[in-house]
């Protein structure tokens, strides 16, 4: 066996565990969108989900933001924001569980209401 062949073989043997480990790991994500259909601008949007949150300082009427979340733990999704007239709104959404993945659309509606459209894998 030539030195080059020994090097290639050694490299492959060293690389194999890393490839197997990477193939076995799966990162669960939920592609989330929030659409402001309230008819007016909102501010201080916060979306809380198990173990983390995201948000925006402001959203214009009709604007949509997208965010990719990873669930750690279980619990209800909560949305809060301040409407253009200064009212604070808090809405509880669906229960989420670690290792769920898929899509979740949140539509903020007039009157402090919201529609949640989850397309998620079943709870494990």
PDB file of N, CA and C in Angstrom:
ATOM      1  N   UNK A   1       0.852  -1.170   0.000  1.00  0.00           N
ATOM      2  CA  UNK A   1       0.000   0.000   0.000  1.00  0.00           C
ATOM      3  C   UNK A   1       0.899   1.235   0.000  1.00  0.00           C
ATOM      4  N   UNK A   2       0.606   2.155  -0.876  1.00  0.00           N
ATOM      5  CA  UNK A   2       1.415   3.362  -0.990  1.00  0.00           C
ATOM      6  C   UNK A   2       1.087   4.322   0.152  1.00  0.00           C
ATOM      7  N   UNK A   3       1.975   5.258   0.433  1.00  0.00           N
ATOM      8  CA  UNK A   3       1.690   6.246   1.488  1.00  0.00           C
ATOM      9  C   UNK A   3       0.418   7.048   1.202  1.00  0.00           C
ATOM     10  N   UNK A   4       0.157   7.366  -0.038  1.00  0.00           N
ATOM     11  CA  UNK A   4      -1.054   8.124  -0.390  1.00  0.00           C
ATOM     12  C   UNK A   4      -2.301   7.308  -0.084  1.00  0.00           C
ATOM     13  N   UNK A   5      -2.283   6.017  -0.405  1.00  0.00           N
ATOM     14  CA  UNK A   5      -3.433   5.153  -0.139  1.00  0.00           C
ATOM     15  C   UNK A   5      -3.659   5.016   1.366  1.00  0.00           C
ATOM     16  N   UNK A   6      -2.560   4.926   2.152  1.00  0.00           N
ATOM     17  CA  UNK A   6      -2.693   4.846   3.614  1.00  0.00           C
ATOM     18  C   UNK A   6      -3.303   6.135   4.163  1.00  0.00           C
ATOM     19  N   UNK A   7      -2.864   7.268   3.624  1.00  0.00           N
ATOM     20  CA  UNK A   7      -3.412   8.556   4.059  1.00  0.00           C
ATOM     21  C   UNK A   7      -4.897   8.639   3.746  1.00  0.00           C
ATOM     22  N   UNK A   8      -5.297   8.253   2.519  1.00  0.00           N
ATOM     23  CA  UNK A   8      -6.703   8.292   2.125  1.00  0.00           C
ATOM     24  C   UNK A   8      -7.538   7.367   3.013  1.00  0.00           C
ATOM     25  N   UNK A   9      -7.025   6.190   3.262  1.00  0.00           N
ATOM     26  CA  UNK A   9      -7.752   5.238   4.107  1.00  0.00           C
ATOM     27  C   UNK A   9      -7.895   5.786   5.526  1.00  0.00           C
ATOM     28  N   UNK A  10      -6.815   6.330   6.067  1.00  0.00           N
ATOM     29  CA  UNK A  10      -6.859   6.921   7.407  1.00  0.00           C
ATOM     30  C   UNK A  10      -7.825   8.092   7.474  1.00  0.00           C
ATOM     31  N   UNK A  11      -7.828   8.897   6.431  1.00  0.00           N
ATOM     32  CA  UNK A  11      -8.742  10.044   6.380  1.00  0.00           C
ATOM     33  C   UNK A  11     -10.194   9.576   6.385  1.00  0.00           C
ATOM     34  N   UNK A  12     -10.521   8.587   5.593  1.00  0.00           N
ATOM     35  CA  UNK A  12     -11.885   8.058   5.524  1.00  0.00           C
ATOM     36  C   UNK A  12     -12.307   7.425   6.844  1.00  0.00           C
ATOM     37  N   UNK A  13     -11.395   6.689   7.467  1.00  0.00           N
ATOM     38  CA  UNK A  13     -11.705   6.072   8.757  1.00  0.00           C
ATOM     39  C   UNK A  13     -11.972   7.160   9.801  1.00  0.00           C
ATOM     40  N   UNK A  14     -11.217   8.224   9.780  1.00  0.00           N
ATOM     41  CA  UNK A  14     -11.419   9.324  10.725  1.00  0.00           C
ATOM     42  C   UNK A  14     -12.690  10.108  10.426  1.00  0.00           C
ATOM     43  N   UNK A  15     -13.053  10.223   9.161  1.00  0.00           N
ATOM     44  CA  UNK A  15     -14.217  10.999   8.756  1.00  0.00           C
ATOM     45  C   UNK A  15     -15.521  10.244   8.971  1.00  0.00           C
ATOM     46  N   UNK A  16     -15.512   8.944   8.918  1.00  0.00           N
ATOM     47  CA  UNK A  16     -16.721   8.140   9.006  1.00  0.00           C
ATOM     48  C   UNK A  16     -17.545   8.405  10.271  1.00  0.00           C
ATOM     49  N   UNK A  17     -16.965   8.421  11.474  1.00  0.00           N
ATOM     50  CA  UNK A  17     -17.798   8.706  12.665  1.00  0.00           C
ATOM     51  C   UNK A  17     -18.467  10.078  12.610  1.00  0.00           C
ATOM     52  N   UNK A  18     -17.779  11.064  12.071  1.00  0.00           N
ATOM     53  CA  UNK A  18     -18.375  12.402  11.968  1.00  0.00           C
ATOM     54  C   UNK A  18     -19.565  12.391  11.018  1.00  0.00           C
ATOM     55  N   UNK A  19     -19.439  11.703   9.906  1.00  0.00           N
ATOM     56  CA  UNK A  19     -20.547  11.625   8.954  1.00  0.00           C
ATOM     57  C   UNK A  19     -21.732  10.879   9.539  1.00  0.00           C
ATOM     58  N   UNK A  20     -21.479   9.796  10.242  1.00  0.00           N
ATOM     59  CA  UNK A  20     -22.561   9.040  10.872  1.00  0.00           C
ATOM     60  C   UNK A  20     -23.254   9.891  11.925  1.00  0.00           C
ATOM     61  N   UNK A  21     -22.479  10.617  12.726  1.00  0.00           N
ATOM     62  CA  UNK A  21     -23.057  11.481  13.749  1.00  0.00           C
ATOM     63  C   UNK A  21     -23.897  12.593  13.159  1.00  0.00           C
ATOM     64  N   UNK A  22     -23.428  13.188  12.075  1.00  0.00           N
ATOM     65  CA  UNK A  22     -24.176  14.277  11.440  1.00  0.00           C
ATOM     66  C   UNK A  22     -25.452  13.763  10.810  1.00  0.00           C
ATOM     67  N   UNK A  23     -25.421  12.576  10.253  1.00  0.00           N
ATOM     68  CA  UNK A  23     -26.617  12.014   9.628  1.00  0.00           C
ATOM     69  C   UNK A  23     -27.666  11.663  10.674  1.00  0.00           C
ATOM     70  N   UNK A  24     -27.255  11.348  11.891  1.00  0.00           N
ATOM     71  CA  UNK A  24     -28.188  10.963  12.939  1.00  0.00           C
ATOM     72  C   UNK A  24     -28.830  12.145  13.642  1.00  0.00           C
ATOM     73  N   UNK A  25     -28.292  13.329  13.512  1.00  0.00           N
ATOM     74  CA  UNK A  25     -28.823  14.515  14.173  1.00  0.00           C
ATOM     75  C   UNK A  25     -29.919  15.131  13.315  1.00  0.00           C
ATOM     76  N   UNK A  26     -31.000  15.515  13.963  1.00  0.00           N
ATOM     77  CA  UNK A  26     -32.077  16.191  13.242  1.00  0.00           C
ATOM     78  C   UNK A  26     -32.477  17.398  14.060  1.00  0.00           C
ATOM     79  N   UNK A  27     -32.458  18.541  13.458  1.00  0.00           N
ATOM     80  CA  UNK A  27     -32.835  19.768  14.116  1.00  0.00           C
ATOM     81  C   UNK A  27     -34.273  20.099  13.745  1.00  0.00           C
ATOM     82  N   UNK A  28     -35.135  20.157  14.730  1.00  0.00           N
ATOM     83  CA  UNK A  28     -36.561  20.396  14.504  1.00  0.00           C
ATOM     84  C   UNK A  28     -36.825  21.899  14.494  1.00  0.00           C
ATOM     85  N   UNK A  29     -37.458  22.391  13.426  1.00  0.00           N
ATOM     86  CA  UNK A  29     -37.762  23.817  13.299  1.00  0.00           C
ATOM     87  C   UNK A  29     -39.219  24.019  12.897  1.00  0.00           C
ATOM     88  N   UNK A  30     -39.749  25.157  13.287  1.00  0.00           N
ATOM     89  CA  UNK A  30     -41.089  25.574  12.887  1.00  0.00           C
ATOM     90  C   UNK A  30     -40.933  26.905  12.159  1.00  0.00           C
ATOM     91  N   UNK A  31     -41.306  26.917  10.894  1.00  0.00           N
ATOM     92  CA  UNK A  31     -41.294  28.149  10.097  1.00  0.00           C
ATOM     93  C   UNK A  31     -42.549  28.938  10.493  1.00  0.00           C
ATOM     94  N   UNK A  32     -42.340  30.096  11.100  1.00  0.00           N
ATOM     95  CA  UNK A  32     -43.438  30.880  11.662  1.00  0.00           C
ATOM     96  C   UNK A  32     -43.601  32.190  10.904  1.00  0.00           C
ATOM     97  N   UNK A  33     -44.849  32.562  10.646  1.00  0.00           N
ATOM     98  CA  UNK A  33     -45.124  33.865  10.045  1.00  0.00           C
ATOM     99  C   UNK A  33     -46.179  34.575  10.884  1.00  0.00           C
ATOM    100  N   UNK A  34     -46.032  35.889  10.992  1.00  0.00           N
ATOM    101  CA  UNK A  34     -47.008  36.721  11.693  1.00  0.00           C
ATOM    102  C   UNK A  34     -47.452  37.796  10.718  1.00  0.00           C
ATOM    103  N   UNK A  35     -48.752  37.843  10.452  1.00  0.00           N
ATOM    104  CA  UNK A  35     -49.305  38.826   9.521  1.00  0.00           C
ATOM    105  C   UNK A  35     -50.203  39.791  10.280  1.00  0.00           C
ATOM    106  N   UNK A  36     -49.975  41.089  10.077  1.00  0.00           N
ATOM    107  CA  UNK A  36     -50.781  42.122  10.719  1.00  0.00           C
ATOM    108  C   UNK A  36     -51.984  42.446   9.836  1.00  0.00           C
ATOM    109  N   UNK A  37     -53.127  41.857  10.182  1.00  0.00           N
ATOM    110  CA  UNK A  37     -54.377  42.139   9.469  1.00  0.00           C
ATOM    111  C   UNK A  37     -55.340  42.914  10.355  1.00  0.00           C
ATOM    112  N   UNK A  38     -54.789  43.693  11.297  1.00  0.00           N
ATOM    113  CA  UNK A  38     -55.634  44.461  12.213  1.00  0.00           C
ATOM    114  C   UNK A  38     -56.241  45.688  11.552  1.00  0.00           C
ATOM    115  N   UNK A  39     -55.687  46.112  10.436  1.00  0.00           N
ATOM    116  CA  UNK A  39     -56.161  47.315   9.761  1.00  0.00           C
ATOM    117  C   UNK A  39     -55.379  48.559  10.126  1.00  0.00           C
ATOM    118  N   UNK A  40     -54.424  48.428  11.038  1.00  0.00           N
ATOM    119  CA  UNK A  40     -53.606  49.571  11.449  1.00  0.00           C
ATOM    120  C   UNK A  40     -52.233  49.053  11.875  1.00  0.00           C
ATOM    121  N   UNK A  41     -51.304  49.976  12.017  1.00  0.00           N
ATOM    122  CA  UNK A  41     -49.968  49.600  12.476  1.00  0.00           C
ATOM    123  C   UNK A  41     -50.029  49.149  13.933  1.00  0.00           C
ATOM    124  N   UNK A  42     -49.130  48.249  14.309  1.00  0.00           N
ATOM    125  CA  UNK A  42     -48.999  47.844  15.698  1.00  0.00           C
ATOM    126  C   UNK A  42     -47.541  48.045  16.105  1.00  0.00           C
ATOM    127  N   UNK A  43     -47.305  48.004  17.407  1.00  0.00           N
ATOM    128  CA  UNK A  43     -45.923  48.120  17.874  1.00  0.00           C
ATOM    129  C   UNK A  43     -45.697  47.162  19.035  1.00  0.00           C
ATOM    130  N   UNK A  44     -44.441  46.938  19.341  1.00  0.00           N
ATOM    131  CA  UNK A  44     -44.023  46.087  20.443  1.00  0.00           C
ATOM    132  C   UNK A  44     -44.627  44.680  20.358  1.00  0.00           C
ATOM    133  N   UNK A  45     -44.534  44.086  19.181  1.00  0.00           N
ATOM    134  CA  UNK A  45     -45.001  42.716  18.990  1.00  0.00           C
ATOM    135  C   UNK A  45     -44.034  41.751  19.668  1.00  0.00           C
ATOM    136  N   UNK A  46     -44.576  40.817  20.441  1.00  0.00           N
ATOM    137  CA  UNK A  46     -43.755  39.767  21.047  1.00  0.00           C
ATOM    138  C   UNK A  46     -44.496  38.444  20.927  1.00  0.00           C
ATOM    139  N   UNK A  47     -43.802  37.445  20.402  1.00  0.00           N
ATOM    140  CA  UNK A  47     -44.344  36.096  20.287  1.00  0.00           C
ATOM    141  C   UNK A  47     -43.506  35.209  21.205  1.00  0.00           C
ATOM    142  N   UNK A  48     -44.141  34.708  22.266  1.00  0.00           N
ATOM    143  CA  UNK A  48     -43.466  33.837  23.231  1.00  0.00           C
ATOM    144  C   UNK A  48     -43.833  32.394  22.924  1.00  0.00           C
ATOM    145  N   UNK A  49     -42.826  31.545  22.910  1.00  0.00           N
ATOM    146  CA  UNK A  49     -43.040  30.115  22.715  1.00  0.00           C
ATOM    147  C   UNK A  49     -42.129  29.400  23.698  1.00  0.00           C
ATOM    148  N   UNK A  50     -42.316  28.099  23.919  1.00  0.00           N
ATOM    149  CA  UNK A  50     -41.525  27.424  24.947  1.00  0.00           C
ATOM    150  C   UNK A  50     -40.026  27.704  24.825  1.00  0.00           C
ATOM    151  N   UNK A  51     -39.478  28.326  25.817  1.00  0.00           N
ATOM    152  CA  UNK A  51     -38.065  28.619  26.051  1.00  0.00           C
ATOM    153  C   UNK A  51     -37.502  29.816  25.294  1.00  0.00           C
ATOM    154  N   UNK A  52     -38.286  30.528  24.522  1.00  0.00           N
ATOM    155  CA  UNK A  52     -37.730  31.684  23.801  1.00  0.00           C
ATOM    156  C   UNK A  52     -38.855  32.598  23.309  1.00  0.00           C
ATOM    157  N   UNK A  53     -38.459  33.659  22.604  1.00  0.00           N
ATOM    158  CA  UNK A  53     -39.437  34.587  22.022  1.00  0.00           C
ATOM    159  C   UNK A  53     -38.782  35.336  20.866  1.00  0.00           C
ATOM    160  N   UNK A  54     -39.631  35.945  20.051  1.00  0.00           N
ATOM    161  CA  UNK A  54     -39.157  36.842  19.000  1.00  0.00           C
ATOM    162  C   UNK A  54     -40.192  37.933  18.844  1.00  0.00           C
ATOM    163  N   UNK A  55     -39.853  38.960  18.086  1.00  0.00           N
ATOM    164  CA  UNK A  55     -40.812  40.037  17.920  1.00  0.00           C
ATOM    165  C   UNK A  55     -40.323  41.103  16.972  1.00  0.00           C
ATOM    166  N   UNK A  56     -41.026  42.226  17.011  1.00  0.00           N
ATOM    167  CA  UNK A  56     -40.698  43.366  16.159  1.00  0.00           C
ATOM    168  C   UNK A  56     -41.094  44.640  16.896  1.00  0.00           C
ATOM    169  N   UNK A  57     -40.324  45.696  16.677  1.00  0.00           N
ATOM    170  CA  UNK A  57     -40.667  46.982  17.286  1.00  0.00           C
ATOM    171  C   UNK A  57     -41.966  47.532  16.734  1.00  0.00           C
ATOM    172  N   UNK A  58     -42.174  47.316  15.433  1.00  0.00           N
ATOM    173  CA  UNK A  58     -43.419  47.786  14.820  1.00  0.00           C
ATOM    174  C   UNK A  58     -43.714  46.955  13.578  1.00  0.00           C
ATOM    175  N   UNK A  59     -44.990  46.920  13.232  1.00  0.00           N
ATOM    176  CA  UNK A  59     -45.442  46.258  12.003  1.00  0.00           C
ATOM    177  C   UNK A  59     -46.517  47.121  11.367  1.00  0.00           C
ATOM    178  N   UNK A  60     -46.350  47.421  10.099  1.00  0.00           N
ATOM    179  CA  UNK A  60     -47.351  48.181   9.362  1.00  0.00           C
ATOM    180  C   UNK A  60     -48.565  47.292   9.088  1.00  0.00           C
ATOM    181  N   UNK A  61     -49.695  47.916   8.825  1.00  0.00           N
ATOM    182  CA  UNK A  61     -50.876  47.150   8.441  1.00  0.00           C
ATOM    183  C   UNK A  61     -50.560  46.356   7.184  1.00  0.00           C
ATOM    184  N   UNK A  62     -50.895  45.074   7.192  1.00  0.00           N
ATOM    185  CA  UNK A  62     -50.650  44.216   6.040  1.00  0.00           C
ATOM    186  C   UNK A  62     -49.263  43.604   5.993  1.00  0.00           C
ATOM    187  N   UNK A  63     -48.374  44.015   6.875  1.00  0.00           N
ATOM    188  CA  UNK A  63     -47.005  43.491   6.872  1.00  0.00           C
ATOM    189  C   UNK A  63     -46.960  42.074   7.454  1.00  0.00           C
ATOM    190  N   UNK A  64     -46.040  41.280   6.936  1.00  0.00           N
ATOM    191  CA  UNK A  64     -45.814  39.925   7.427  1.00  0.00           C
ATOM    192  C   UNK A  64     -44.348  39.779   7.783  1.00  0.00           C
ATOM    193  N   UNK A  65     -44.085  39.176   8.946  1.00  0.00           N
ATOM    194  CA  UNK A  65     -42.707  38.846   9.305  1.00  0.00           C
ATOM    195  C   UNK A  65     -42.591  37.325   9.382  1.00  0.00           C
ATOM    196  N   UNK A  66     -41.398  36.834   9.120  1.00  0.00           N
ATOM    197  CA  UNK A  66     -41.124  35.406   9.140  1.00  0.00           C
ATOM    198  C   UNK A  66     -40.015  35.146  10.143  1.00  0.00           C
ATOM    199  N   UNK A  67     -40.150  34.044  10.854  1.00  0.00           N
ATOM    200  CA  UNK A  67     -39.142  33.689  11.842  1.00  0.00           C
ATOM    201  C   UNK A  67     -39.099  32.171  11.961  1.00  0.00           C
ATOM    202  N   UNK A  68     -37.920  31.647  12.108  1.00  0.00           N
ATOM    203  CA  UNK A  68     -37.739  30.201  12.256  1.00  0.00           C
ATOM    204  C   UNK A  68     -37.451  29.913  13.723  1.00  0.00           C
ATOM    205  N   UNK A  69     -38.316  29.099  14.362  1.00  0.00           N
ATOM    206  CA  UNK A  69     -38.140  28.814  15.776  1.00  0.00           C
ATOM    207  C   UNK A  69     -37.790  27.341  15.989  1.00  0.00           C
ATOM    208  N   UNK A  70     -37.154  27.087  17.109  1.00  0.00           N
ATOM    209  CA  UNK A  70     -36.861  25.721  17.520  1.00  0.00           C
ATOM    210  C   UNK A  70     -37.448  25.564  18.915  1.00  0.00           C
ATOM    211  N   UNK A  71     -38.313  24.565  19.070  1.00  0.00           N
ATOM    212  CA  UNK A  71     -39.006  24.370  20.330  1.00  0.00           C
ATOM    213  C   UNK A  71     -38.148  23.574  21.301  1.00  0.00           C
ATOM    214  N   UNK A  72     -38.019  24.093  22.502  1.00  0.00           N
ATOM    215  CA  UNK A  72     -37.330  23.419  23.606  1.00  0.00           C
ATOM    216  C   UNK A  72     -38.304  23.414  24.773  1.00  0.00           C
ATOM    217  N   UNK A  73     -38.837  22.273  25.079  1.00  0.00           N
ATOM    218  CA  UNK A  73     -39.837  22.189  26.132  1.00  0.00           C
ATOM    219  C   UNK A  73     -41.234  22.253  25.528  1.00  0.00           C
ATOM    220  N   UNK A  74     -42.222  22.367  26.387  1.00  0.00           N
ATOM    221  CA  UNK A  74     -43.618  22.388  25.955  1.00  0.00           C
ATOM    222  C   UNK A  74     -44.343  23.545  26.625  1.00  0.00           C
ATOM    223  N   UNK A  75     -45.375  24.021  25.972  1.00  0.00           N
ATOM    224  CA  UNK A  75     -46.178  25.098  26.535  1.00  0.00           C
ATOM    225  C   UNK A  75     -46.957  25.819  25.462  1.00  0.00           C
ATOM    226  N   UNK A  76     -47.768  26.752  25.904  1.00  0.00           N
ATOM    227  CA  UNK A  76     -48.613  27.514  24.988  1.00  0.00           C
ATOM    228  C   UNK A  76     -47.829  28.643  24.329  1.00  0.00           C
ATOM    229  N   UNK A  77     -48.166  28.925  23.096  1.00  0.00           N
ATOM    230  CA  UNK A  77     -47.643  30.088  22.384  1.00  0.00           C
ATOM    231  C   UNK A  77     -48.465  31.294  22.843  1.00  0.00           C
ATOM    232  N   UNK A  78     -47.814  32.433  23.033  1.00  0.00           N
ATOM    233  CA  UNK A  78     -48.513  33.648  23.432  1.00  0.00           C
ATOM    234  C   UNK A  78     -48.052  34.803  22.547  1.00  0.00           C
ATOM    235  N   UNK A  79     -49.012  35.640  22.180  1.00  0.00           N
ATOM    236  CA  UNK A  79     -48.724  36.809  21.348  1.00  0.00           C
ATOM    237  C   UNK A  79     -49.191  38.037  22.107  1.00  0.00           C
ATOM    238  N   UNK A  80     -48.356  39.062  22.120  1.00  0.00           N
ATOM    239  CA  UNK A  80     -48.792  40.339  22.692  1.00  0.00           C
ATOM    240  C   UNK A  80     -48.266  41.479  21.832  1.00  0.00           C
ATOM    241  N   UNK A  81     -49.046  42.548  21.798  1.00  0.00           N
ATOM    242  CA  UNK A  81     -48.653  43.728  21.029  1.00  0.00           C
ATOM    243  C   UNK A  81     -49.454  44.922  21.524  1.00  0.00           C
ATOM    244  N   UNK A  82     -49.036  46.090  21.086  1.00  0.00           N
ATOM    245  CA  UNK A  82     -49.751  47.324  21.397  1.00  0.00           C
ATOM    246  C   UNK A  82     -50.362  47.840  20.104  1.00  0.00           C
ATOM    247  N   UNK A  83     -51.668  48.070  20.127  1.00  0.00           N
ATOM    248  CA  UNK A  83     -52.366  48.541  18.924  1.00  0.00           C
ATOM    249  C   UNK A  83     -52.142  50.033  18.723  1.00  0.00           C
ATOM    250  N   UNK A  84     -52.588  50.536  17.604  1.00  0.00           N
ATOM    251  CA  UNK A  84     -52.351  51.943  17.261  1.00  0.00           C
ATOM    252  C   UNK A  84     -53.037  52.906  18.234  1.00  0.00           C
ATOM    253  N   UNK A  85     -54.090  52.447  18.936  1.00  0.00           N
ATOM    254  CA  UNK A  85     -54.765  53.310  19.909  1.00  0.00           C
ATOM    255  C   UNK A  85     -54.176  53.157  21.319  1.00  0.00           C
ATOM    256  N   UNK A  86     -53.063  52.407  21.457  1.00  0.00           N
ATOM    257  CA  UNK A  86     -52.375  52.274  22.730  1.00  0.00           C
ATOM    258  C   UNK A  86     -52.818  51.102  23.583  1.00  0.00           C
ATOM    259  N   UNK A  87     -53.791  50.344  23.130  1.00  0.00           N
ATOM    260  CA  UNK A  87     -54.260  49.187  23.902  1.00  0.00           C
ATOM    261  C   UNK A  87     -53.281  48.027  23.773  1.00  0.00           C
ATOM    262  N   UNK A  88     -53.030  47.383  24.900  1.00  0.00           N
ATOM    263  CA  UNK A  88     -52.187  46.201  24.893  1.00  0.00           C
ATOM    264  C   UNK A  88     -53.070  44.971  24.732  1.00  0.00           C
ATOM    265  N   UNK A  89     -52.657  44.104  23.833  1.00  0.00           N
ATOM    266  CA  UNK A  89     -53.410  42.889  23.546  1.00  0.00           C
ATOM    267  C   UNK A  89     -52.539  41.690  23.862  1.00  0.00           C
ATOM    268  N   UNK A  90     -53.125  40.697  24.535  1.00  0.00           N
ATOM    269  CA  UNK A  90     -52.455  39.430  24.823  1.00  0.00           C
ATOM    270  C   UNK A  90     -53.368  38.301  24.378  1.00  0.00           C
ATOM    271  N   UNK A  91     -52.810  37.388  23.596  1.00  0.00           N
ATOM    272  CA  UNK A  91     -53.589  36.286  23.035  1.00  0.00           C
ATOM    273  C   UNK A  91     -52.826  34.992  23.263  1.00  0.00           C
ATOM    274  N   UNK A  92     -53.528  33.980  23.755  1.00  0.00           N
ATOM    275  CA  UNK A  92     -52.895  32.672  23.914  1.00  0.00           C
ATOM    276  C   UNK A  92     -53.208  31.824  22.698  1.00  0.00           C
ATOM    277  N   UNK A  93     -52.175  31.177  22.181  1.00  0.00           N
ATOM    278  CA  UNK A  93     -52.304  30.350  20.991  1.00  0.00           C
ATOM    279  C   UNK A  93     -52.233  28.867  21.323  1.00  0.00           C
ATOM    280  N   UNK A  94     -51.893  28.078  20.336  1.00  0.00           N
ATOM    281  CA  UNK A  94     -51.878  26.627  20.522  1.00  0.00           C
ATOM    282  C   UNK A  94     -50.736  26.164  21.421  1.00  0.00           C
ATOM    283  N   UNK A  95     -50.921  24.979  21.992  1.00  0.00           N
ATOM    284  CA  UNK A  95     -49.859  24.340  22.766  1.00  0.00           C
ATOM    285  C   UNK A  95     -48.820  23.776  21.802  1.00  0.00           C
ATOM    286  N   UNK A  96     -47.565  23.953  22.144  1.00  0.00           N
ATOM    287  CA  UNK A  96     -46.458  23.468  21.323  1.00  0.00           C
ATOM    288  C   UNK A  96     -45.608  22.520  22.159  1.00  0.00           C
ATOM    289  N   UNK A  97     -45.013  21.549  21.486  1.00  0.00           N
ATOM    290  CA  UNK A  97     -44.217  20.536  22.169  1.00  0.00           C
ATOM    291  C   UNK A  97     -42.866  20.394  21.492  1.00  0.00           C
ATOM    292  N   UNK A  98     -41.845  20.187  22.307  1.00  0.00           N
ATOM    293  CA  UNK A  98     -40.504  19.974  21.785  1.00  0.00           C
ATOM    294  C   UNK A  98     -40.520  18.864  20.730  1.00  0.00           C
ATOM    295  N   UNK A  99     -39.722  19.041  19.702  1.00  0.00           N
ATOM    296  CA  UNK A  99     -39.550  18.121  18.583  1.00  0.00           C
ATOM    297  C   UNK A  99     -40.693  18.180  17.570  1.00  0.00           C
ATOM    298  N   UNK A 100     -41.656  19.110  17.735  1.00  0.00           N
ATOM    299  CA  UNK A 100     -42.612  19.341  16.664  1.00  0.00           C
ATOM    300  C   UNK A 100     -41.902  20.148  15.584  1.00  0.00           C
ATOM    301  N   UNK A 101     -42.347  19.999  14.363  1.00  0.00           N
ATOM    302  CA  UNK A 101     -41.800  20.788  13.268  1.00  0.00           C
ATOM    303  C   UNK A 101     -42.888  21.013  12.236  1.00  0.00           C
ATOM    304  N   UNK A 102     -42.648  21.981  11.339  1.00  0.00           N
ATOM    305  CA  UNK A 102     -43.613  22.307  10.297  1.00  0.00           C
ATOM    306  C   UNK A 102     -43.746  23.813  10.146  1.00  0.00           C
ATOM    307  N   UNK A 103     -44.993  24.247   9.992  1.00  0.00           N
ATOM    308  CA  UNK A 103     -45.284  25.673   9.781  1.00  0.00           C
ATOM    309  C   UNK A 103     -46.361  26.135  10.758  1.00  0.00           C
ATOM    310  N   UNK A 104     -46.289  27.419  11.100  1.00  0.00           N
ATOM    311  CA  UNK A 104     -47.291  28.036  11.948  1.00  0.00           C
ATOM    312  C   UNK A 104     -47.535  29.449  11.444  1.00  0.00           C
ATOM    313  N   UNK A 105     -48.755  29.700  10.992  1.00  0.00           N
ATOM    314  CA  UNK A 105     -49.142  31.035  10.539  1.00  0.00           C
ATOM    315  C   UNK A 105     -49.985  31.685  11.632  1.00  0.00           C
ATOM    316  N   UNK A 106     -49.647  32.931  11.964  1.00  0.00           N
ATOM    317  CA  UNK A 106     -50.392  33.708  12.953  1.00  0.00           C
ATOM    318  C   UNK A 106     -50.923  34.938  12.243  1.00  0.00           C
ATOM    319  N   UNK A 107     -52.247  35.109  12.255  1.00  0.00           N
ATOM    320  CA  UNK A 107     -52.875  36.282  11.637  1.00  0.00           C
ATOM    321  C   UNK A 107     -53.474  37.130  12.744  1.00  0.00           C
ATOM    322  N   UNK A 108     -52.955  38.330  12.914  1.00  0.00           N
ATOM    323  CA  UNK A 108     -53.489  39.264  13.894  1.00  0.00           C
ATOM    324  C   UNK A 108     -54.676  39.970  13.271  1.00  0.00           C
ATOM    325  N   UNK A 109     -55.824  39.916  13.936  1.00  0.00           N
ATOM    326  CA  UNK A 109     -57.080  40.425  13.394  1.00  0.00           C
ATOM    327  C   UNK A 109     -57.580  41.614  14.203  1.00  0.00           C
ATOM    328  N   UNK A 110     -58.538  42.376  13.655  1.00  0.00           N
ATOM    329  CA  UNK A 110     -59.111  43.502  14.402  1.00  0.00           C
ATOM    330  C   UNK A 110     -59.750  43.026  15.713  1.00  0.00           C
ATOM    331  N   UNK A 111     -59.858  43.938  16.664  1.00  0.00           N
ATOM    332  CA  UNK A 111     -60.519  43.638  17.925  1.00  0.00           C
ATOM    333  C   UNK A 111     -59.699  42.779  18.868  1.00  0.00           C
ATOM    334  N   UNK A 112     -58.395  42.742  18.690  1.00  0.00           N
ATOM    335  CA  UNK A 112     -57.550  41.983  19.597  1.00  0.00           C
ATOM    336  C   UNK A 112     -57.667  40.479  19.435  1.00  0.00           C
ATOM    337  N   UNK A 113     -58.066  40.048  18.272  1.00  0.00           N
ATOM    338  CA  UNK A 113     -58.210  38.616  18.009  1.00  0.00           C
ATOM    339  C   UNK A 113     -57.068  38.133  17.106  1.00  0.00           C
ATOM    340  N   UNK A 114     -56.924  36.819  17.026  1.00  0.00           N
ATOM    341  CA  UNK A 114     -55.902  36.229  16.167  1.00  0.00           C
ATOM    342  C   UNK A 114     -56.364  34.855  15.711  1.00  0.00           C
ATOM    343  N   UNK A 115     -55.896  34.471  14.555  1.00  0.00           N
ATOM    344  CA  UNK A 115     -56.112  33.119  14.043  1.00  0.00           C
ATOM    345  C   UNK A 115     -54.754  32.438  13.978  1.00  0.00           C
ATOM    346  N   UNK A 116     -54.728  31.203  14.426  1.00  0.00           N
ATOM    347  CA  UNK A 116     -53.503  30.406  14.394  1.00  0.00           C
ATOM    348  C   UNK A 116     -53.731  29.247  13.443  1.00  0.00           C
ATOM    349  N   UNK A 117     -52.842  29.081  12.515  1.00  0.00           N
ATOM    350  CA  UNK A 117     -52.953  28.004  11.536  1.00  0.00           C
ATOM    351  C   UNK A 117     -51.712  27.122  11.625  1.00  0.00           C
ATOM    352  N   UNK A 118     -51.719  26.179  12.592  1.00  0.00           N
ATOM    353  CA  UNK A 118     -50.560  25.297  12.729  1.00  0.00           C
ATOM    354  C   UNK A 118     -50.607  24.131  11.735  1.00  0.00           C
ATOM    355  N   UNK A 119     -49.507  23.875  11.119  1.00  0.00           N
ATOM    356  CA  UNK A 119     -49.312  22.690  10.273  1.00  0.00           C
ATOM    357  C   UNK A 119     -48.069  22.008  10.829  1.00  0.00           C
ATOM    358  N   UNK A 120     -48.249  21.346  11.953  1.00  0.00           N
ATOM    359  CA  UNK A 120     -47.142  20.783  12.701  1.00  0.00           C
ATOM    360  C   UNK A 120     -47.252  19.275  12.788  1.00  0.00           C
ATOM    361  N   UNK A 121     -46.106  18.631  12.959  1.00  0.00           N
ATOM    362  CA  UNK A 121     -46.125  17.197  13.184  1.00  0.00           C
ATOM    363  C   UNK A 121     -46.865  16.940  14.488  1.00  0.00           C
ATOM    364  N   UNK A 122     -47.451  15.759  14.637  1.00  0.00           N
ATOM    365  CA  UNK A 122     -48.145  15.454  15.903  1.00  0.00           C
ATOM    366  C   UNK A 122     -47.192  15.542  17.075  1.00  0.00           C
ATOM    367  N   UNK A 123     -47.769  15.786  18.245  1.00  0.00           N
ATOM    368  CA  UNK A 123     -46.933  15.851  19.439  1.00  0.00           C
ATOM    369  C   UNK A 123     -46.312  14.487  19.678  1.00  0.00           C
ATOM    370  N   UNK A 124     -45.000  14.455  19.922  1.00  0.00           N
ATOM    371  CA  UNK A 124     -44.315  13.174  20.154  1.00  0.00           C
ATOM    372  C   UNK A 124     -44.733  12.528  21.457  1.00  0.00           C
TER     373      UNK A 124
END
